[in-house]
Amino acid sequence: MPIAIDPGSLKRHTNLTLSSDVLAEAKQLGINISKVCDGFLREFIRQEKERRWKAEHAQYIAAYNAEVESEGLPLDQWRTF
């Protein structure tokens, strides 16, 4: 029976340059540097993708908002709440 592998769980070695004082404090506090860096980078990537999507679609969002401003929400007349 094949074993399913989660692509997100695959790890790869990389070189990372950190400030020596930050690295020393993290080690002193027992912080898993790889885990923290991975988590932070995932969140940073998510935010960057969101920022880029908004920038890429800003014209369409502005046009839709202007339409809603002038004409109201679509199907608003049938809204019961």
N, C-alpha and C. Protein backbone atom coordinates (compact mmCIF):
# COMPACT_ATOMS: atom_id res chain seq x y z
N MET A 1 0.84 -1.18 0.00
CA MET A 1 0.00 0.00 0.00
C MET A 1 0.89 1.24 0.00
N PRO A 2 0.70 2.16 -0.97
CA PRO A 2 1.54 3.37 -1.03
C PRO A 2 1.29 4.29 0.16
N ILE A 3 2.30 5.00 0.54
CA ILE A 3 2.20 5.96 1.64
C ILE A 3 1.97 7.34 1.05
N ALA A 4 0.94 8.01 1.53
CA ALA A 4 0.64 9.37 1.07
C ALA A 4 1.61 10.34 1.73
N ILE A 5 2.18 11.21 0.93
CA ILE A 5 3.12 12.21 1.45
C ILE A 5 2.51 13.58 1.22
N ASP A 6 2.43 14.34 2.28
CA ASP A 6 1.95 15.72 2.20
C ASP A 6 3.06 16.58 1.62
N PRO A 7 2.81 17.21 0.44
CA PRO A 7 3.87 18.04 -0.17
C PRO A 7 4.35 19.16 0.75
N GLY A 8 3.49 19.64 1.63
CA GLY A 8 3.88 20.70 2.55
C GLY A 8 4.85 20.23 3.61
N SER A 9 4.94 18.93 3.82
CA SER A 9 5.81 18.42 4.87
C SER A 9 7.22 18.11 4.37
N LEU A 10 7.45 18.19 3.06
CA LEU A 10 8.78 17.95 2.53
C LEU A 10 9.69 19.10 2.94
N LYS A 11 10.86 18.76 3.42
CA LYS A 11 11.80 19.77 3.90
C LYS A 11 13.05 19.76 3.01
N ARG A 12 13.69 20.90 2.98
CA ARG A 12 14.90 21.03 2.20
C ARG A 12 15.89 21.90 2.96
N HIS A 13 17.14 21.51 2.97
CA HIS A 13 18.17 22.30 3.64
C HIS A 13 18.45 23.56 2.85
N THR A 14 18.72 24.64 3.57
CA THR A 14 19.07 25.90 2.93
C THR A 14 20.00 26.68 3.84
N ASN A 15 20.70 27.61 3.28
CA ASN A 15 21.55 28.50 4.08
C ASN A 15 20.74 29.74 4.42
N LEU A 16 20.89 30.20 5.63
CA LEU A 16 20.15 31.36 6.09
C LEU A 16 21.10 32.21 6.93
N THR A 17 21.12 33.48 6.68
CA THR A 17 21.98 34.38 7.45
C THR A 17 21.13 35.14 8.45
N LEU A 18 21.49 35.04 9.71
CA LEU A 18 20.76 35.71 10.79
C LEU A 18 21.74 36.53 11.63
N SER A 19 21.23 37.52 12.28
CA SER A 19 22.05 38.29 13.21
C SER A 19 22.49 37.38 14.34
N SER A 20 23.77 37.47 14.71
CA SER A 20 24.31 36.54 15.71
C SER A 20 23.63 36.71 17.06
N ASP A 21 23.27 37.95 17.43
CA ASP A 21 22.62 38.14 18.73
C ASP A 21 21.22 37.53 18.75
N VAL A 22 20.50 37.64 17.63
CA VAL A 22 19.15 37.06 17.55
C VAL A 22 19.25 35.54 17.60
N LEU A 23 20.20 34.99 16.87
CA LEU A 23 20.40 33.54 16.85
C LEU A 23 20.75 33.02 18.24
N ALA A 24 21.63 33.72 18.93
CA ALA A 24 22.03 33.30 20.27
C ALA A 24 20.84 33.32 21.24
N GLU A 25 20.03 34.37 21.17
CA GLU A 25 18.86 34.46 22.06
C GLU A 25 17.85 33.37 21.74
N ALA A 26 17.64 33.12 20.47
CA ALA A 26 16.69 32.07 20.08
C ALA A 26 17.15 30.72 20.60
N LYS A 27 18.43 30.43 20.46
CA LYS A 27 18.97 29.15 20.96
C LYS A 27 18.85 29.08 22.48
N GLN A 28 19.15 30.20 23.15
CA GLN A 28 19.06 30.24 24.60
C GLN A 28 17.63 29.97 25.08
N LEU A 29 16.66 30.45 24.31
CA LEU A 29 15.25 30.26 24.68
C LEU A 29 14.69 28.93 24.18
N GLY A 30 15.50 28.15 23.48
CA GLY A 30 15.06 26.85 22.99
C GLY A 30 14.08 26.96 21.83
N ILE A 31 14.16 28.02 21.06
CA ILE A 31 13.25 28.24 19.94
C ILE A 31 13.72 27.42 18.75
N ASN A 32 12.79 26.71 18.12
CA ASN A 32 13.08 25.95 16.91
C ASN A 32 13.13 26.95 15.75
N ILE A 33 14.33 27.32 15.37
CA ILE A 33 14.53 28.37 14.37
C ILE A 33 13.94 27.98 13.02
N SER A 34 14.13 26.75 12.61
CA SER A 34 13.59 26.30 11.33
C SER A 34 12.07 26.40 11.31
N LYS A 35 11.45 25.98 12.38
CA LYS A 35 9.99 25.99 12.46
C LYS A 35 9.46 27.42 12.44
N VAL A 36 10.09 28.31 13.20
CA VAL A 36 9.65 29.70 13.25
C VAL A 36 9.86 30.38 11.89
N CYS A 37 11.01 30.17 11.28
CA CYS A 37 11.28 30.77 9.97
C CYS A 37 10.31 30.25 8.93
N ASP A 38 10.04 28.95 8.94
CA ASP A 38 9.11 28.36 7.98
C ASP A 38 7.71 28.94 8.17
N GLY A 39 7.27 29.02 9.41
CA GLY A 39 5.94 29.57 9.69
C GLY A 39 5.82 31.03 9.30
N PHE A 40 6.85 31.81 9.64
CA PHE A 40 6.84 33.23 9.30
C PHE A 40 6.84 33.42 7.80
N LEU A 41 7.67 32.65 7.08
CA LEU A 41 7.76 32.78 5.64
C LEU A 41 6.46 32.38 4.96
N ARG A 42 5.80 31.34 5.46
CA ARG A 42 4.49 30.94 4.92
C ARG A 42 3.48 32.08 5.04
N GLU A 43 3.43 32.70 6.20
CA GLU A 43 2.48 33.80 6.43
C GLU A 43 2.86 35.01 5.58
N PHE A 44 4.15 35.29 5.47
CA PHE A 44 4.61 36.41 4.65
C PHE A 44 4.24 36.19 3.18
N ILE A 45 4.40 34.97 2.69
CA ILE A 45 4.04 34.63 1.32
C ILE A 45 2.54 34.79 1.11
N ARG A 46 1.73 34.33 2.06
CA ARG A 46 0.28 34.47 1.96
C ARG A 46 -0.11 35.95 1.86
N GLN A 47 0.48 36.77 2.71
CA GLN A 47 0.18 38.21 2.69
C GLN A 47 0.64 38.86 1.40
N GLU A 48 1.79 38.46 0.89
CA GLU A 48 2.31 39.04 -0.34
C GLU A 48 1.43 38.66 -1.53
N LYS A 49 0.97 37.40 -1.57
CA LYS A 49 0.06 36.98 -2.64
C LYS A 49 -1.24 37.77 -2.58
N GLU A 50 -1.75 37.98 -1.37
CA GLU A 50 -2.98 38.76 -1.20
C GLU A 50 -2.77 40.20 -1.66
N ARG A 51 -1.65 40.81 -1.28
CA ARG A 51 -1.35 42.18 -1.67
C ARG A 51 -1.26 42.30 -3.19
N ARG A 52 -0.58 41.35 -3.81
CA ARG A 52 -0.43 41.39 -5.27
C ARG A 52 -1.76 41.18 -5.98
N TRP A 53 -2.60 40.27 -5.45
CA TRP A 53 -3.91 40.03 -6.05
C TRP A 53 -4.75 41.31 -5.99
N LYS A 54 -4.74 41.96 -4.83
CA LYS A 54 -5.50 43.20 -4.68
C LYS A 54 -4.99 44.28 -5.63
N ALA A 55 -3.68 44.39 -5.77
CA ALA A 55 -3.11 45.39 -6.67
C ALA A 55 -3.47 45.07 -8.12
N GLU A 56 -3.40 43.80 -8.48
CA GLU A 56 -3.70 43.37 -9.84
C GLU A 56 -5.17 43.58 -10.20
N HIS A 57 -6.05 43.45 -9.22
CA HIS A 57 -7.48 43.55 -9.45
C HIS A 57 -8.10 44.85 -8.94
N ALA A 58 -7.28 45.81 -8.57
CA ALA A 58 -7.78 47.06 -7.98
C ALA A 58 -8.74 47.79 -8.91
N GLN A 59 -8.45 47.79 -10.20
CA GLN A 59 -9.31 48.47 -11.16
C GLN A 59 -10.70 47.83 -11.19
N TYR A 60 -10.76 46.51 -11.18
CA TYR A 60 -12.05 45.82 -11.22
C TYR A 60 -12.82 46.01 -9.91
N ILE A 61 -12.10 45.97 -8.81
CA ILE A 61 -12.74 46.16 -7.50
C ILE A 61 -13.32 47.58 -7.41
N ALA A 62 -12.55 48.56 -7.87
CA ALA A 62 -13.02 49.96 -7.84
C ALA A 62 -14.24 50.13 -8.73
N ALA A 63 -14.24 49.50 -9.91
CA ALA A 63 -15.38 49.61 -10.83
C ALA A 63 -16.62 48.97 -10.23
N TYR A 64 -16.45 47.81 -9.59
CA TYR A 64 -17.59 47.13 -8.95
C TYR A 64 -18.12 47.98 -7.80
N ASN A 65 -17.23 48.50 -6.98
CA ASN A 65 -17.66 49.35 -5.86
C ASN A 65 -18.39 50.59 -6.34
N ALA A 66 -17.93 51.19 -7.44
CA ALA A 66 -18.60 52.36 -8.00
C ALA A 66 -19.99 51.98 -8.50
N GLU A 67 -20.11 50.81 -9.10
CA GLU A 67 -21.41 50.35 -9.60
C GLU A 67 -22.37 50.11 -8.44
N VAL A 68 -21.90 49.48 -7.38
CA VAL A 68 -22.73 49.24 -6.20
C VAL A 68 -23.12 50.57 -5.57
N GLU A 69 -22.20 51.51 -5.56
CA GLU A 69 -22.48 52.84 -4.99
C GLU A 69 -23.60 53.54 -5.76
N SER A 70 -23.56 53.44 -7.07
CA SER A 70 -24.55 54.16 -7.87
C SER A 70 -25.85 53.37 -8.08
N GLU A 71 -25.77 52.05 -8.15
CA GLU A 71 -26.96 51.24 -8.48
C GLU A 71 -27.45 50.36 -7.33
N GLY A 72 -26.69 50.29 -6.26
CA GLY A 72 -27.06 49.40 -5.16
C GLY A 72 -26.58 47.99 -5.43
N LEU A 73 -26.83 47.12 -4.45
CA LEU A 73 -26.41 45.72 -4.57
C LEU A 73 -27.31 44.99 -5.56
N PRO A 74 -26.73 44.06 -6.33
CA PRO A 74 -27.55 43.23 -7.21
C PRO A 74 -28.55 42.42 -6.36
N LEU A 75 -29.75 42.32 -6.82
CA LEU A 75 -30.83 41.54 -6.15
C LEU A 75 -31.19 42.12 -4.79
N ASP A 76 -30.79 43.35 -4.50
CA ASP A 76 -31.06 43.97 -3.21
C ASP A 76 -32.56 44.07 -2.92
N GLN A 77 -33.35 44.23 -3.96
CA GLN A 77 -34.79 44.38 -3.76
C GLN A 77 -35.44 43.12 -3.19
N TRP A 78 -34.80 41.97 -3.34
CA TRP A 78 -35.36 40.72 -2.82
C TRP A 78 -34.76 40.30 -1.50
N ARG A 79 -33.85 41.12 -0.97
CA ARG A 79 -33.20 40.79 0.30
C ARG A 79 -34.21 40.91 1.43
N THR A 80 -34.23 39.93 2.33
CA THR A 80 -35.19 39.93 3.43
C THR A 80 -34.55 40.24 4.78
N PHE A 81 -33.31 40.55 4.81
CA PHE A 81 -32.64 40.85 6.08
C PHE A 81 -32.07 42.23 6.09
